[in-house]
């Protein structure tokens, strides 16, 4: 987001925070920075692990896991198309909503590419959509619909997670779930709605999600 601190260096430009943490930990600056660098490498390593996913949709992968990935892909198609349409008409959006559109459009497109690559030839085809102007005519309508889609996505991933049998697939789903939750909280903040309205999130079944999506009429074919 515009004006948001993006790196450790931006937060601690003079190194004072690093020095303070190192002092509390009984460590010197050099060791502290080495450990911080190692932590960053671990995060990058997790991304590398997810990069190994193209091989998971193989004959050895449980059919139920492939079905869950395709369910996720269908939802990601929906979100990606919704935000792509909004991005084409970004001029109607103001303030943080415009930044939200740009960032989330890129995220959802990346989720689609990621899942398609993982599934390979087993990937379901992209449906056709009609968002009935909810993504490109009114900022308020867009925001309400975006919150609905993001909340739905979180419930969908949460509902499927316990059913996933392959650890790599579970890790991938979890990495998307947390991002979807951030999207939902971001849009709720924009709309001045409680970002975390409950102590626990409620999972929803595939049938519940498909019924909700069907009810929108957004998928036309």
Protein backbone atom coordinates (compact mmCIF):
# COMPACT_ATOMS: atom_id res chain seq x y z
CA UNK A 1 0.00 0.00 0.00
CA UNK A 2 1.12 3.54 -0.63
CA UNK A 3 3.11 4.89 2.29
CA UNK A 4 3.44 1.47 3.91
CA UNK A 5 6.83 0.35 5.23
CA UNK A 6 7.92 -2.53 3.02
CA UNK A 7 11.35 -3.54 4.29
CA UNK A 8 13.27 -3.83 7.55
CA UNK A 9 15.66 -1.18 6.24
CA UNK A 10 12.86 1.34 5.81
CA UNK A 11 11.62 0.69 9.34
CA UNK A 12 15.05 0.90 10.97
CA UNK A 13 16.98 3.24 8.67
CA UNK A 14 19.52 4.26 11.34
CA UNK A 15 20.04 0.75 12.71
CA UNK A 16 18.90 1.71 16.21
CA UNK A 17 16.24 -0.99 16.44
CA UNK A 18 18.67 -3.67 15.32
CA UNK A 19 21.16 -2.53 17.95
CA UNK A 20 18.49 -2.59 20.67
CA UNK A 21 17.27 -6.08 19.79
CA UNK A 22 20.83 -7.35 19.59
CA UNK A 23 21.57 -5.89 23.02
CA UNK A 24 18.52 -7.52 24.58
CA UNK A 25 19.44 -10.84 23.00
CA UNK A 26 23.01 -10.58 24.23
CA UNK A 27 24.22 -10.56 20.65
CA UNK A 28 26.38 -8.25 18.61
CA UNK A 29 25.19 -6.39 15.49
CA UNK A 30 26.99 -8.64 13.02
CA UNK A 31 25.52 -11.83 14.46
CA UNK A 32 22.08 -10.27 14.65
CA UNK A 33 22.21 -9.28 10.98
CA UNK A 34 23.45 -12.72 9.98
CA UNK A 35 20.52 -14.33 11.79
CA UNK A 36 18.11 -11.87 10.16
CA UNK A 37 19.56 -12.74 6.76
CA UNK A 38 19.16 -16.44 7.52
CA UNK A 39 15.53 -15.84 8.43
CA UNK A 40 14.98 -14.13 5.08
CA UNK A 41 16.59 -17.06 3.32
CA UNK A 42 14.20 -19.41 5.11
CA UNK A 43 11.26 -17.43 3.79
CA UNK A 44 12.67 -17.57 0.28
CA UNK A 45 13.24 -21.28 0.77
CA UNK A 46 9.55 -21.75 1.49
CA UNK A 47 8.80 -20.07 -1.83
CA UNK A 48 11.21 -22.46 -3.49
CA UNK A 49 9.37 -25.39 -1.92
CA UNK A 50 6.12 -24.21 -3.40
CA UNK A 51 7.90 -23.97 -6.72
CA UNK A 52 8.20 -27.78 -6.68
CA UNK A 53 4.42 -28.17 -6.89
CA UNK A 54 4.10 -28.74 -10.66
CA UNK A 55 4.86 -32.42 -10.03
CA UNK A 56 2.16 -33.01 -7.40
CA UNK A 57 -0.77 -33.59 -9.74
CA UNK A 58 0.68 -36.92 -10.80
CA UNK A 59 -0.65 -40.45 -10.77
CA UNK A 60 0.49 -40.73 -7.14
CA UNK A 61 -1.57 -37.74 -6.04
CA UNK A 62 -4.93 -38.70 -4.49
CA UNK A 63 -7.80 -37.86 -6.81
CA UNK A 64 -9.50 -36.05 -3.96
CA UNK A 65 -6.53 -33.67 -3.69
CA UNK A 66 -6.64 -32.97 -7.42
CA UNK A 67 -10.36 -32.26 -7.10
CA UNK A 68 -9.70 -29.83 -4.24
CA UNK A 69 -7.05 -28.03 -6.29
CA UNK A 70 -9.46 -27.71 -9.19
CA UNK A 71 -12.12 -26.38 -6.84
CA UNK A 72 -9.60 -23.80 -5.64
CA UNK A 73 -8.63 -23.00 -9.22
CA UNK A 74 -12.27 -22.34 -10.15
CA UNK A 75 -12.57 -19.85 -7.30
CA UNK A 76 -9.27 -18.23 -8.27
CA UNK A 77 -10.46 -17.94 -11.89
CA UNK A 78 -13.51 -16.10 -10.55
CA UNK A 79 -11.52 -13.70 -8.40
CA UNK A 80 -8.83 -13.10 -10.99
CA UNK A 81 -11.38 -12.26 -13.66
CA UNK A 82 -13.28 -9.99 -11.27
CA UNK A 83 -10.19 -7.96 -10.42
CA UNK A 84 -8.86 -7.95 -13.97
CA UNK A 85 -12.10 -6.29 -15.07
CA UNK A 86 -11.82 -3.77 -12.26
CA UNK A 87 -8.22 -3.02 -13.16
CA UNK A 88 -9.23 -2.11 -16.71
CA UNK A 89 -11.48 0.59 -15.24
CA UNK A 90 -9.24 1.64 -12.38
CA UNK A 91 -10.05 5.29 -13.02
CA UNK A 92 -13.36 4.96 -11.17
CA UNK A 93 -11.61 3.94 -7.95
CA UNK A 94 -10.18 6.41 -5.46
CA UNK A 95 -7.89 6.24 -2.44
CA UNK A 96 -6.78 2.90 -1.06
CA UNK A 97 -9.37 1.04 -3.12
CA UNK A 98 -7.41 1.83 -6.28
CA UNK A 99 -4.27 0.40 -4.71
CA UNK A 100 -6.25 -2.64 -3.54
CA UNK A 101 -7.45 -3.31 -7.09
CA UNK A 102 -3.94 -3.20 -8.51
CA UNK A 103 -2.33 -5.36 -5.83
CA UNK A 104 -5.06 -7.98 -5.51
CA UNK A 105 -5.47 -8.32 -9.27
CA UNK A 106 -1.82 -9.32 -9.48
CA UNK A 107 -2.13 -11.69 -6.54
CA UNK A 108 -5.15 -13.51 -7.95
CA UNK A 109 -3.61 -13.82 -11.41
CA UNK A 110 -0.54 -15.35 -9.76
CA UNK A 111 -2.73 -17.80 -7.82
CA UNK A 112 -4.35 -18.94 -11.06
CA UNK A 113 -1.00 -19.41 -12.80
CA UNK A 114 0.35 -21.29 -9.79
CA UNK A 115 -2.56 -23.73 -9.56
CA UNK A 116 -2.70 -24.29 -13.32
CA UNK A 117 0.99 -25.13 -13.35
CA UNK A 118 0.56 -27.50 -10.41
CA UNK A 119 -2.37 -29.32 -12.06
CA UNK A 120 -0.97 -29.41 -15.56
CA UNK A 121 -3.28 -31.26 -17.94
CA UNK A 122 -5.64 -32.04 -15.04
CA UNK A 123 -6.55 -28.36 -14.62
CA UNK A 124 -10.19 -27.44 -15.22
CA UNK A 125 -10.88 -24.95 -17.97
CA UNK A 126 -11.67 -21.34 -17.17
CA UNK A 127 -15.42 -20.67 -17.03
CA UNK A 128 -17.05 -17.63 -18.60
CA UNK A 129 -18.16 -14.82 -16.32
CA UNK A 130 -20.58 -11.92 -16.14
CA UNK A 131 -20.08 -9.70 -13.10
CA UNK A 132 -23.05 -7.51 -14.01
CA UNK A 133 -21.06 -4.30 -13.57
CA UNK A 134 -20.23 -5.01 -9.92
CA UNK A 135 -16.51 -4.65 -10.65
CA UNK A 136 -16.39 -1.61 -12.91
CA UNK A 137 -19.29 0.82 -12.41
CA UNK A 138 -19.38 1.86 -8.75
CA UNK A 139 -16.67 1.94 -6.10
CA UNK A 140 -19.11 1.09 -3.31
CA UNK A 141 -20.57 -1.85 -5.22
CA UNK A 142 -17.09 -3.09 -6.09
CA UNK A 143 -15.97 -2.89 -2.47
CA UNK A 144 -19.00 -4.80 -1.17
CA UNK A 145 -18.57 -7.51 -3.81
CA UNK A 146 -14.83 -7.76 -3.22
CA UNK A 147 -15.42 -8.29 0.50
CA UNK A 148 -17.97 -11.00 -0.26
CA UNK A 149 -15.59 -12.80 -2.63
CA UNK A 150 -12.62 -12.59 -0.29
CA UNK A 151 -14.62 -13.77 2.73
CA UNK A 152 -15.97 -16.63 0.61
CA UNK A 153 -12.47 -17.57 -0.51
CA UNK A 154 -11.22 -17.75 3.06
CA UNK A 155 -14.14 -19.97 4.11
CA UNK A 156 -13.61 -22.21 1.09
CA UNK A 157 -9.90 -22.82 1.67
CA UNK A 158 -10.52 -23.31 5.40
CA UNK A 159 -13.20 -25.88 4.65
CA UNK A 160 -11.00 -27.90 2.31
CA UNK A 161 -7.75 -27.79 4.28
CA UNK A 162 -8.60 -30.68 6.66
CA UNK A 163 -9.49 -32.86 3.67
CA UNK A 164 -6.13 -32.48 1.90
CA UNK A 165 -3.98 -35.60 2.14
CA UNK A 166 -0.75 -34.42 0.48
CA UNK A 167 1.49 -32.25 2.66
CA UNK A 168 2.81 -30.21 -0.28
CA UNK A 169 -0.71 -29.42 -1.40
CA UNK A 170 -1.73 -28.49 2.13
CA UNK A 171 1.26 -26.13 2.36
CA UNK A 172 0.31 -24.54 -0.96
CA UNK A 173 -3.33 -24.13 0.06
CA UNK A 174 -2.26 -22.62 3.37
CA UNK A 175 0.00 -20.12 1.64
CA UNK A 176 -2.94 -18.93 -0.47
CA UNK A 177 -5.43 -19.00 2.42
CA UNK A 178 -3.39 -16.54 4.48
CA UNK A 179 -3.12 -14.13 1.55
CA UNK A 180 -6.87 -14.33 0.91
CA UNK A 181 -7.43 -13.56 4.57
CA UNK A 182 -5.19 -10.48 4.24
CA UNK A 183 -7.22 -9.37 1.22
CA UNK A 184 -10.45 -9.78 3.18
CA UNK A 185 -9.12 -7.82 6.15
CA UNK A 186 -7.78 -5.09 3.87
CA UNK A 187 -11.11 -4.60 2.11
CA UNK A 188 -12.99 -4.72 5.42
CA UNK A 189 -10.69 -1.97 6.69
CA UNK A 190 -11.38 0.11 3.56
CA UNK A 191 -15.12 -0.31 4.12
CA UNK A 192 -14.74 0.47 7.83
CA UNK A 193 -16.05 -2.96 8.75
CA UNK A 194 -14.42 -5.00 11.52
CA UNK A 195 -11.38 -6.72 9.88
CA UNK A 196 -11.56 -9.63 12.35
CA UNK A 197 -15.24 -9.92 13.32
CA UNK A 198 -14.97 -13.23 15.17
CA UNK A 199 -12.54 -15.16 17.36
CA UNK A 200 -12.64 -18.10 14.93
CA UNK A 201 -13.31 -18.24 11.19
CA UNK A 202 -16.03 -20.61 10.00
CA UNK A 203 -15.15 -23.13 7.30
CA UNK A 204 -17.66 -23.92 4.57
CA UNK A 205 -18.13 -27.07 2.54
CA UNK A 206 -17.65 -27.28 -1.19
CA UNK A 207 -21.42 -27.59 -1.62
CA UNK A 208 -22.03 -24.43 0.42
CA UNK A 209 -19.45 -22.45 -1.54
CA UNK A 210 -20.70 -23.65 -4.93
CA UNK A 211 -24.27 -22.76 -3.94
CA UNK A 212 -23.15 -19.28 -2.89
CA UNK A 213 -21.19 -18.73 -6.09
CA UNK A 214 -24.08 -20.02 -8.19
CA UNK A 215 -26.35 -17.61 -6.37
CA UNK A 216 -24.33 -14.63 -7.59
CA UNK A 217 -24.91 -15.57 -11.22
CA UNK A 218 -21.32 -14.53 -11.98
CA UNK A 219 -20.42 -17.84 -13.66
CA UNK A 220 -22.31 -18.06 -16.91
CA UNK A 221 -20.70 -21.06 -18.59
